[in-house]
Amino acid sequence: MNRNYSIDTLRTVATILVILLHVSGKYIIIGFENSILDENFSI
């Protein structure tokens, strides 16, 4: 059976994106509390 390297790459990219999502969540909340970000950001 041949190894599909595209799936490995996709899994790696998805893992990095999940980590970035979890790390940036705190900064997004601070931005909304300080009125730096408005409703247009979430859209």
PDB file of N, CA and C in Angstrom:
ATOM      1  N   MET A   1       0.844  -1.179   0.000  1.00  0.00           N
ATOM      2  CA  MET A   1       0.000   0.000   0.000  1.00  0.00           C
ATOM      3  C   MET A   1       0.892   1.246   0.000  1.00  0.00           C
ATOM      4  N   ASN A   2       0.582   2.174  -0.887  1.00  0.00           N
ATOM      5  CA  ASN A   2       1.361   3.406  -1.004  1.00  0.00           C
ATOM      6  C   ASN A   2       0.903   4.433   0.019  1.00  0.00           C
ATOM      7  N   ARG A   3       1.864   5.176   0.535  1.00  0.00           N
ATOM      8  CA  ARG A   3       1.549   6.225   1.506  1.00  0.00           C
ATOM      9  C   ARG A   3       1.115   7.482   0.759  1.00  0.00           C
ATOM     10  N   ASN A   4       0.014   8.089   1.220  1.00  0.00           N
ATOM     11  CA  ASN A   4      -0.502   9.301   0.601  1.00  0.00           C
ATOM     12  C   ASN A   4       0.038  10.508   1.372  1.00  0.00           C
ATOM     13  N   TYR A   5       1.049  11.159   0.807  1.00  0.00           N
ATOM     14  CA  TYR A   5       1.690  12.280   1.490  1.00  0.00           C
ATOM     15  C   TYR A   5       0.803  13.520   1.514  1.00  0.00           C
ATOM     16  N   SER A   6      -0.177  13.613   0.627  1.00  0.00           N
ATOM     17  CA  SER A   6      -1.093  14.762   0.661  1.00  0.00           C
ATOM     18  C   SER A   6      -1.927  14.759   1.939  1.00  0.00           C
ATOM     19  N   ILE A   7      -2.325  13.588   2.385  1.00  0.00           N
ATOM     20  CA  ILE A   7      -3.103  13.483   3.622  1.00  0.00           C
ATOM     21  C   ILE A   7      -2.237  13.881   4.816  1.00  0.00           C
ATOM     22  N   ASP A   8      -0.967  13.471   4.813  1.00  0.00           N
ATOM     23  CA  ASP A   8      -0.054  13.855   5.890  1.00  0.00           C
ATOM     24  C   ASP A   8       0.136  15.370   5.929  1.00  0.00           C
ATOM     25  N   THR A   9       0.272  15.974   4.765  1.00  0.00           N
ATOM     26  CA  THR A   9       0.433  17.426   4.695  1.00  0.00           C
ATOM     27  C   THR A   9      -0.825  18.124   5.176  1.00  0.00           C
ATOM     28  N   LEU A  10      -1.970  17.647   4.753  1.00  0.00           N
ATOM     29  CA  LEU A  10      -3.232  18.232   5.187  1.00  0.00           C
ATOM     30  C   LEU A  10      -3.404  18.111   6.696  1.00  0.00           C
ATOM     31  N   ARG A  11      -3.053  16.986   7.255  1.00  0.00           N
ATOM     32  CA  ARG A  11      -3.145  16.775   8.708  1.00  0.00           C
ATOM     33  C   ARG A  11      -2.218  17.724   9.460  1.00  0.00           C
ATOM     34  N   THR A  12      -1.019  17.937   8.928  1.00  0.00           N
ATOM     35  CA  THR A  12      -0.059  18.851   9.554  1.00  0.00           C
ATOM     36  C   THR A  12      -0.570  20.286   9.528  1.00  0.00           C
ATOM     37  N   VAL A  13      -1.086  20.717   8.389  1.00  0.00           N
ATOM     38  CA  VAL A  13      -1.624  22.075   8.266  1.00  0.00           C
ATOM     39  C   VAL A  13      -2.824  22.256   9.192  1.00  0.00           C
ATOM     40  N   ALA A  14      -3.697  21.273   9.250  1.00  0.00           N
ATOM     41  CA  ALA A  14      -4.871  21.356  10.125  1.00  0.00           C
ATOM     42  C   ALA A  14      -4.459  21.436  11.586  1.00  0.00           C
ATOM     43  N   THR A  15      -3.438  20.695  11.980  1.00  0.00           N
ATOM     44  CA  THR A  15      -2.958  20.733  13.362  1.00  0.00           C
ATOM     45  C   THR A  15      -2.414  22.107  13.711  1.00  0.00           C
ATOM     46  N   ILE A  16      -1.644  22.697  12.806  1.00  0.00           N
ATOM     47  CA  ILE A  16      -1.097  24.033  13.044  1.00  0.00           C
ATOM     48  C   ILE A  16      -2.216  25.064  13.141  1.00  0.00           C
ATOM     49  N   LEU A  17      -3.225  24.957  12.294  1.00  0.00           N
ATOM     50  CA  LEU A  17      -4.341  25.901  12.336  1.00  0.00           C
ATOM     51  C   LEU A  17      -5.145  25.784  13.623  1.00  0.00           C
ATOM     52  N   VAL A  18      -5.330  24.584  14.129  1.00  0.00           N
ATOM     53  CA  VAL A  18      -6.042  24.402  15.401  1.00  0.00           C
ATOM     54  C   VAL A  18      -5.248  25.018  16.541  1.00  0.00           C
ATOM     55  N   ILE A  19      -3.941  24.832  16.534  1.00  0.00           N
ATOM     56  CA  ILE A  19      -3.101  25.436  17.573  1.00  0.00           C
ATOM     57  C   ILE A  19      -3.186  26.958  17.506  1.00  0.00           C
ATOM     58  N   LEU A  20      -3.108  27.529  16.309  1.00  0.00           N
ATOM     59  CA  LEU A  20      -3.223  28.979  16.156  1.00  0.00           C
ATOM     60  C   LEU A  20      -4.584  29.488  16.614  1.00  0.00           C
ATOM     61  N   LEU A  21      -5.627  28.744  16.343  1.00  0.00           N
ATOM     62  CA  LEU A  21      -6.963  29.131  16.776  1.00  0.00           C
ATOM     63  C   LEU A  21      -7.055  29.190  18.290  1.00  0.00           C
ATOM     64  N   HIS A  22      -6.507  28.191  18.963  1.00  0.00           N
ATOM     65  CA  HIS A  22      -6.570  28.159  20.417  1.00  0.00           C
ATOM     66  C   HIS A  22      -5.703  29.251  21.054  1.00  0.00           C
ATOM     67  N   VAL A  23      -4.574  29.536  20.460  1.00  0.00           N
ATOM     68  CA  VAL A  23      -3.682  30.559  21.010  1.00  0.00           C
ATOM     69  C   VAL A  23      -4.249  31.960  20.794  1.00  0.00           C
ATOM     70  N   SER A  24      -4.859  32.221  19.656  1.00  0.00           N
ATOM     71  CA  SER A  24      -5.329  33.565  19.340  1.00  0.00           C
ATOM     72  C   SER A  24      -6.675  33.895  19.975  1.00  0.00           C
ATOM     73  N   GLY A  25      -7.359  32.937  20.533  1.00  0.00           N
ATOM     74  CA  GLY A  25      -8.673  33.191  21.118  1.00  0.00           C
ATOM     75  C   GLY A  25      -8.661  34.237  22.211  1.00  0.00           C
ATOM     76  N   LYS A  26      -7.643  34.207  23.071  1.00  0.00           N
ATOM     77  CA  LYS A  26      -7.542  35.162  24.166  1.00  0.00           C
ATOM     78  C   LYS A  26      -7.397  36.588  23.633  1.00  0.00           C
ATOM     79  N   TYR A  27      -6.608  36.759  22.581  1.00  0.00           N
ATOM     80  CA  TYR A  27      -6.378  38.082  22.026  1.00  0.00           C
ATOM     81  C   TYR A  27      -7.620  38.629  21.323  1.00  0.00           C
ATOM     82  N   ILE A  28      -8.412  37.769  20.757  1.00  0.00           N
ATOM     83  CA  ILE A  28      -9.661  38.204  20.119  1.00  0.00           C
ATOM     84  C   ILE A  28     -10.627  38.719  21.182  1.00  0.00           C
ATOM     85  N   ILE A  29     -10.731  38.017  22.294  1.00  0.00           N
ATOM     86  CA  ILE A  29     -11.627  38.442  23.374  1.00  0.00           C
ATOM     87  C   ILE A  29     -11.179  39.789  23.939  1.00  0.00           C
ATOM     88  N   ILE A  30      -9.866  39.965  24.124  1.00  0.00           N
ATOM     89  CA  ILE A  30      -9.344  41.243  24.617  1.00  0.00           C
ATOM     90  C   ILE A  30      -9.654  42.359  23.616  1.00  0.00           C
ATOM     91  N   GLY A  31      -9.545  42.075  22.341  1.00  0.00           N
ATOM     92  CA  GLY A  31      -9.837  43.071  21.307  1.00  0.00           C
ATOM     93  C   GLY A  31     -11.293  43.510  21.333  1.00  0.00           C
ATOM     94  N   PHE A  32     -12.217  42.586  21.561  1.00  0.00           N
ATOM     95  CA  PHE A  32     -13.632  42.950  21.644  1.00  0.00           C
ATOM     96  C   PHE A  32     -13.920  43.743  22.915  1.00  0.00           C
ATOM     97  N   GLU A  33     -13.270  43.390  24.023  1.00  0.00           N
ATOM     98  CA  GLU A  33     -13.499  44.101  25.275  1.00  0.00           C
ATOM     99  C   GLU A  33     -12.970  45.527  25.227  1.00  0.00           C
ATOM    100  N   ASN A  34     -11.883  45.757  24.512  1.00  0.00           N
ATOM    101  CA  ASN A  34     -11.287  47.091  24.417  1.00  0.00           C
ATOM    102  C   ASN A  34     -11.803  47.873  23.219  1.00  0.00           C
ATOM    103  N   SER A  35     -12.801  47.363  22.550  1.00  0.00           N
ATOM    104  CA  SER A  35     -13.423  47.997  21.377  1.00  0.00           C
ATOM    105  C   SER A  35     -12.439  48.225  20.234  1.00  0.00           C
ATOM    106  N   ILE A  36     -11.381  47.418  20.183  1.00  0.00           N
ATOM    107  CA  ILE A  36     -10.464  47.492  19.049  1.00  0.00           C
ATOM    108  C   ILE A  36     -11.102  46.798  17.845  1.00  0.00           C
ATOM    109  N   LEU A  37     -11.803  45.700  18.115  1.00  0.00           N
ATOM    110  CA  LEU A  37     -12.485  44.955  17.056  1.00  0.00           C
ATOM    111  C   LEU A  37     -13.982  45.201  17.167  1.00  0.00           C
ATOM    112  N   ASP A  38     -14.649  45.310  16.042  1.00  0.00           N
ATOM    113  CA  ASP A  38     -16.090  45.494  16.071  1.00  0.00           C
ATOM    114  C   ASP A  38     -16.793  44.295  15.438  1.00  0.00           C
ATOM    115  N   GLU A  39     -18.080  44.422  15.204  1.00  0.00           N
ATOM    116  CA  GLU A  39     -18.866  43.304  14.684  1.00  0.00           C
ATOM    117  C   GLU A  39     -18.420  42.913  13.275  1.00  0.00           C
ATOM    118  N   ASN A  40     -17.881  43.847  12.513  1.00  0.00           N
ATOM    119  CA  ASN A  40     -17.455  43.538  11.160  1.00  0.00           C
ATOM    120  C   ASN A  40     -16.296  42.537  11.129  1.00  0.00           C
ATOM    121  N   PHE A  41     -15.508  42.501  12.204  1.00  0.00           N
ATOM    122  CA  PHE A  41     -14.391  41.561  12.263  1.00  0.00           C
ATOM    123  C   PHE A  41     -14.909  40.125  12.271  1.00  0.00           C
ATOM    124  N   SER A  42     -15.940  39.863  13.036  1.00  0.00           N
ATOM    125  CA  SER A  42     -16.437  38.495  13.143  1.00  0.00           C
ATOM    126  C   SER A  42     -17.149  38.032  11.879  1.00  0.00           C
ATOM    127  N   ILE A  43     -17.646  38.970  11.097  1.00  0.00           N
ATOM    128  CA  ILE A  43     -18.319  38.594   9.846  1.00  0.00           C
ATOM    129  C   ILE A  43     -17.276  38.210   8.842  1.00  0.00           C
TER     130      ILE A  43
END
